[in-house]
């Protein structure tokens, strides 16, 4: 997360193409229940933005151990403060 501590609960290891959409521009986010959300702005702003539409609403894979999963409060913060939803 922008300016966040480097800690397991404070991050996601997205694919290289998704990383800037999440961390840098806020075009995508992950909900506290681990669902992938895509901003409509991505579709409007980029010709290839539709590529990510197929992931919208899908549940992402998370570690089995609850302590190794992204923090739900931080995911909620990202959705409220960074995501262009």
N, C-alpha and C. Protein backbone atom coordinates (compact mmCIF):
# COMPACT_ATOMS: atom_id res chain seq x y z
N UNK A 1 0.83 -1.17 0.00
CA UNK A 1 0.00 0.00 0.00
C UNK A 1 0.88 1.23 0.00
N UNK A 2 0.36 2.29 -0.48
CA UNK A 2 1.13 3.52 -0.60
C UNK A 2 1.59 3.96 0.78
N UNK A 3 2.89 4.05 0.97
CA UNK A 3 3.45 4.49 2.23
C UNK A 3 3.26 3.52 3.37
N UNK A 4 2.77 2.33 3.10
CA UNK A 4 2.49 1.37 4.15
C UNK A 4 3.72 0.59 4.58
N UNK A 5 3.59 0.02 5.74
CA UNK A 5 4.66 -0.82 6.29
C UNK A 5 4.79 -2.08 5.46
N UNK A 6 6.02 -2.54 5.31
CA UNK A 6 6.25 -3.80 4.60
C UNK A 6 5.99 -4.94 5.58
N UNK A 7 4.78 -5.47 5.50
CA UNK A 7 4.36 -6.55 6.38
C UNK A 7 3.41 -7.45 5.62
N UNK A 8 3.40 -8.71 5.95
CA UNK A 8 2.58 -9.69 5.25
C UNK A 8 1.12 -9.28 5.14
N UNK A 9 0.54 -8.80 6.23
CA UNK A 9 -0.87 -8.43 6.23
C UNK A 9 -1.15 -7.13 5.48
N UNK A 10 -0.11 -6.43 5.04
CA UNK A 10 -0.27 -5.13 4.39
C UNK A 10 -0.02 -5.21 2.89
N UNK A 11 -0.21 -6.36 2.30
CA UNK A 11 0.07 -6.38 0.88
C UNK A 11 -0.51 -7.57 0.15
N UNK A 12 -0.45 -7.46 -1.16
CA UNK A 12 -0.88 -8.51 -2.06
C UNK A 12 0.22 -8.66 -3.11
N UNK A 13 0.51 -9.86 -3.54
CA UNK A 13 1.49 -10.04 -4.61
C UNK A 13 0.79 -10.22 -5.97
N UNK A 14 0.31 -9.14 -6.58
CA UNK A 14 -0.42 -9.27 -7.84
C UNK A 14 0.50 -9.56 -9.02
N UNK A 15 -0.11 -10.00 -10.11
CA UNK A 15 0.62 -10.17 -11.37
C UNK A 15 1.24 -8.85 -11.76
N UNK A 16 2.28 -8.90 -12.57
CA UNK A 16 3.00 -7.69 -12.97
C UNK A 16 2.10 -6.67 -13.66
N UNK A 17 1.13 -7.10 -14.44
CA UNK A 17 0.25 -6.15 -15.12
C UNK A 17 -0.81 -5.58 -14.19
N UNK A 18 -1.14 -6.29 -13.13
CA UNK A 18 -2.16 -5.82 -12.19
C UNK A 18 -1.56 -4.92 -11.12
N UNK A 19 -0.29 -5.10 -10.82
CA UNK A 19 0.38 -4.31 -9.78
C UNK A 19 0.16 -2.81 -9.95
N UNK A 20 0.44 -2.21 -11.12
CA UNK A 20 0.23 -0.75 -11.23
C UNK A 20 -1.25 -0.37 -11.19
N UNK A 21 -2.13 -1.25 -11.61
CA UNK A 21 -3.56 -0.95 -11.56
C UNK A 21 -4.06 -0.90 -10.12
N UNK A 22 -3.43 -1.65 -9.25
CA UNK A 22 -3.82 -1.69 -7.83
C UNK A 22 -3.07 -0.62 -7.04
N UNK A 23 -1.75 -0.71 -7.05
CA UNK A 23 -0.95 0.15 -6.19
C UNK A 23 -0.79 1.57 -6.71
N UNK A 24 -0.63 1.74 -8.00
CA UNK A 24 -0.29 3.05 -8.55
C UNK A 24 -1.49 3.89 -9.00
N UNK A 25 -2.51 3.25 -9.54
CA UNK A 25 -3.60 4.03 -10.13
C UNK A 25 -4.96 3.79 -9.51
N UNK A 26 -5.14 2.73 -8.75
CA UNK A 26 -6.41 2.45 -8.09
C UNK A 26 -7.52 1.98 -9.01
N UNK A 27 -7.17 1.45 -10.16
CA UNK A 27 -8.20 0.96 -11.08
C UNK A 27 -8.79 -0.38 -10.66
N UNK A 28 -8.09 -1.09 -9.78
CA UNK A 28 -8.61 -2.35 -9.25
C UNK A 28 -8.41 -2.37 -7.75
N UNK A 29 -9.18 -3.20 -7.07
CA UNK A 29 -9.04 -3.38 -5.63
C UNK A 29 -9.49 -4.79 -5.28
N UNK A 30 -9.26 -5.15 -4.03
CA UNK A 30 -9.71 -6.43 -3.50
C UNK A 30 -10.53 -6.12 -2.26
N UNK A 31 -11.71 -6.68 -2.19
CA UNK A 31 -12.61 -6.43 -1.06
C UNK A 31 -12.17 -7.25 0.15
N UNK A 32 -12.65 -6.89 1.34
CA UNK A 32 -12.30 -7.67 2.53
C UNK A 32 -12.69 -9.15 2.46
N UNK A 33 -13.67 -9.48 1.62
CA UNK A 33 -14.01 -10.90 1.44
C UNK A 33 -13.26 -11.51 0.25
N UNK A 34 -12.18 -10.84 -0.16
CA UNK A 34 -11.22 -11.32 -1.16
C UNK A 34 -11.78 -11.41 -2.58
N UNK A 35 -12.66 -10.49 -2.92
CA UNK A 35 -13.19 -10.41 -4.28
C UNK A 35 -12.47 -9.31 -5.04
N UNK A 36 -12.17 -9.58 -6.30
CA UNK A 36 -11.48 -8.64 -7.18
C UNK A 36 -12.50 -7.68 -7.77
N UNK A 37 -12.26 -6.38 -7.64
CA UNK A 37 -13.15 -5.37 -8.21
C UNK A 37 -12.39 -4.55 -9.24
N UNK A 38 -13.08 -4.19 -10.31
CA UNK A 38 -12.47 -3.41 -11.39
C UNK A 38 -13.29 -2.14 -11.58
N UNK A 39 -12.60 -1.01 -11.63
CA UNK A 39 -13.26 0.28 -11.82
C UNK A 39 -13.75 0.42 -13.26
N UNK A 40 -14.93 1.01 -13.42
CA UNK A 40 -15.43 1.34 -14.75
C UNK A 40 -14.54 2.33 -15.46
N UNK A 41 -13.78 3.12 -14.71
CA UNK A 41 -12.84 4.07 -15.31
C UNK A 41 -11.77 3.36 -16.12
N UNK A 42 -11.42 2.15 -15.73
CA UNK A 42 -10.42 1.39 -16.48
C UNK A 42 -10.95 1.04 -17.85
N UNK A 43 -12.20 0.64 -17.92
CA UNK A 43 -12.81 0.29 -19.20
C UNK A 43 -12.91 1.51 -20.10
N UNK A 44 -13.26 2.64 -19.52
CA UNK A 44 -13.42 3.86 -20.30
C UNK A 44 -12.09 4.47 -20.74
N UNK A 45 -11.05 4.30 -19.92
CA UNK A 45 -9.78 4.97 -20.17
C UNK A 45 -8.79 4.22 -21.02
N UNK A 46 -8.96 2.92 -21.16
CA UNK A 46 -7.99 2.12 -21.90
C UNK A 46 -8.70 1.18 -22.85
N UNK A 47 -8.18 1.09 -24.03
CA UNK A 47 -8.78 0.20 -25.02
C UNK A 47 -8.74 -1.25 -24.56
N UNK A 48 -7.67 -1.64 -23.83
CA UNK A 48 -7.56 -3.03 -23.40
C UNK A 48 -8.07 -3.24 -21.98
N UNK A 49 -8.75 -2.25 -21.41
CA UNK A 49 -9.27 -2.38 -20.06
C UNK A 49 -10.27 -3.51 -19.91
N UNK A 50 -10.92 -3.89 -20.97
CA UNK A 50 -11.90 -4.98 -20.92
C UNK A 50 -11.24 -6.32 -20.57
N UNK A 51 -9.95 -6.43 -20.79
CA UNK A 51 -9.21 -7.65 -20.46
C UNK A 51 -9.43 -8.03 -18.99
N UNK A 52 -9.56 -7.05 -18.13
CA UNK A 52 -9.67 -7.30 -16.69
C UNK A 52 -11.11 -7.53 -16.24
N UNK A 53 -12.05 -7.26 -17.10
CA UNK A 53 -13.46 -7.44 -16.77
C UNK A 53 -13.76 -8.89 -16.39
N UNK A 54 -13.08 -9.82 -17.00
CA UNK A 54 -13.33 -11.24 -16.72
C UNK A 54 -12.97 -11.63 -15.30
N UNK A 55 -12.14 -10.81 -14.63
CA UNK A 55 -11.76 -11.09 -13.25
C UNK A 55 -12.71 -10.44 -12.24
N UNK A 56 -13.52 -9.51 -12.68
CA UNK A 56 -14.40 -8.76 -11.77
C UNK A 56 -15.32 -9.70 -11.00
N UNK A 57 -15.32 -9.54 -9.68
CA UNK A 57 -16.17 -10.34 -8.81
C UNK A 57 -15.61 -11.68 -8.41
N UNK A 58 -14.53 -12.08 -9.03
CA UNK A 58 -13.94 -13.38 -8.69
C UNK A 58 -13.21 -13.31 -7.35
N UNK A 59 -13.23 -14.41 -6.66
CA UNK A 59 -12.50 -14.50 -5.40
C UNK A 59 -11.03 -14.80 -5.70
N UNK A 60 -10.13 -14.07 -5.04
CA UNK A 60 -8.71 -14.31 -5.24
C UNK A 60 -8.25 -15.44 -4.31
N UNK A 61 -7.15 -16.06 -4.64
CA UNK A 61 -6.57 -17.08 -3.78
C UNK A 61 -5.83 -16.41 -2.64
N UNK A 62 -6.03 -16.90 -1.45
CA UNK A 62 -5.35 -16.38 -0.27
C UNK A 62 -4.73 -17.55 0.49
N UNK A 63 -3.73 -17.27 1.32
CA UNK A 63 -3.13 -18.35 2.11
C UNK A 63 -4.15 -19.04 3.01
N UNK A 64 -3.94 -20.29 3.31
CA UNK A 64 -4.84 -21.05 4.19
C UNK A 64 -4.84 -20.50 5.61
N UNK A 65 -3.68 -20.13 6.11
CA UNK A 65 -3.58 -19.63 7.48
C UNK A 65 -4.13 -18.21 7.56
N UNK A 66 -5.15 -17.97 8.38
CA UNK A 66 -5.74 -16.63 8.48
C UNK A 66 -4.73 -15.53 8.79
N UNK A 67 -3.70 -15.83 9.57
CA UNK A 67 -2.70 -14.82 9.91
C UNK A 67 -1.82 -14.41 8.75
N UNK A 68 -1.84 -15.19 7.67
CA UNK A 68 -1.03 -14.89 6.49
C UNK A 68 -1.81 -14.14 5.41
N UNK A 69 -3.09 -13.93 5.64
CA UNK A 69 -3.94 -13.26 4.65
C UNK A 69 -3.83 -11.75 4.77
N UNK A 70 -4.18 -11.02 3.69
CA UNK A 70 -4.19 -9.56 3.77
C UNK A 70 -5.19 -9.10 4.83
N UNK A 71 -4.85 -8.05 5.54
CA UNK A 71 -5.70 -7.50 6.59
C UNK A 71 -6.97 -6.91 5.98
N UNK A 72 -8.14 -7.36 6.45
CA UNK A 72 -9.43 -6.90 5.91
C UNK A 72 -9.60 -5.39 6.06
N UNK A 73 -9.13 -4.81 7.16
CA UNK A 73 -9.25 -3.37 7.35
C UNK A 73 -8.42 -2.60 6.33
N UNK A 74 -7.25 -3.13 6.00
CA UNK A 74 -6.40 -2.47 5.00
C UNK A 74 -7.00 -2.59 3.60
N UNK A 75 -7.60 -3.73 3.32
CA UNK A 75 -8.28 -3.89 2.02
C UNK A 75 -9.46 -2.91 1.93
N UNK A 76 -10.19 -2.78 3.02
CA UNK A 76 -11.30 -1.84 3.07
C UNK A 76 -10.81 -0.41 2.87
N UNK A 77 -9.68 -0.07 3.50
CA UNK A 77 -9.09 1.27 3.34
C UNK A 77 -8.74 1.52 1.88
N UNK A 78 -8.10 0.53 1.24
CA UNK A 78 -7.72 0.69 -0.17
C UNK A 78 -8.96 0.93 -1.03
N UNK A 79 -10.01 0.18 -0.78
CA UNK A 79 -11.24 0.32 -1.57
C UNK A 79 -11.85 1.71 -1.37
N UNK A 80 -11.76 2.25 -0.16
CA UNK A 80 -12.37 3.55 0.13
C UNK A 80 -11.49 4.73 -0.28
N UNK A 81 -10.17 4.59 -0.18
CA UNK A 81 -9.28 5.73 -0.37
C UNK A 81 -8.50 5.75 -1.68
N UNK A 82 -8.30 4.59 -2.29
CA UNK A 82 -7.46 4.53 -3.49
C UNK A 82 -8.26 4.10 -4.72
N UNK A 83 -9.15 3.15 -4.54
CA UNK A 83 -9.92 2.60 -5.66
C UNK A 83 -10.78 3.67 -6.32
N UNK A 84 -10.80 3.64 -7.65
CA UNK A 84 -11.60 4.59 -8.44
C UNK A 84 -12.97 4.02 -8.74
N UNK A 85 -13.62 3.44 -7.76
CA UNK A 85 -14.89 2.76 -7.96
C UNK A 85 -16.01 3.65 -8.01
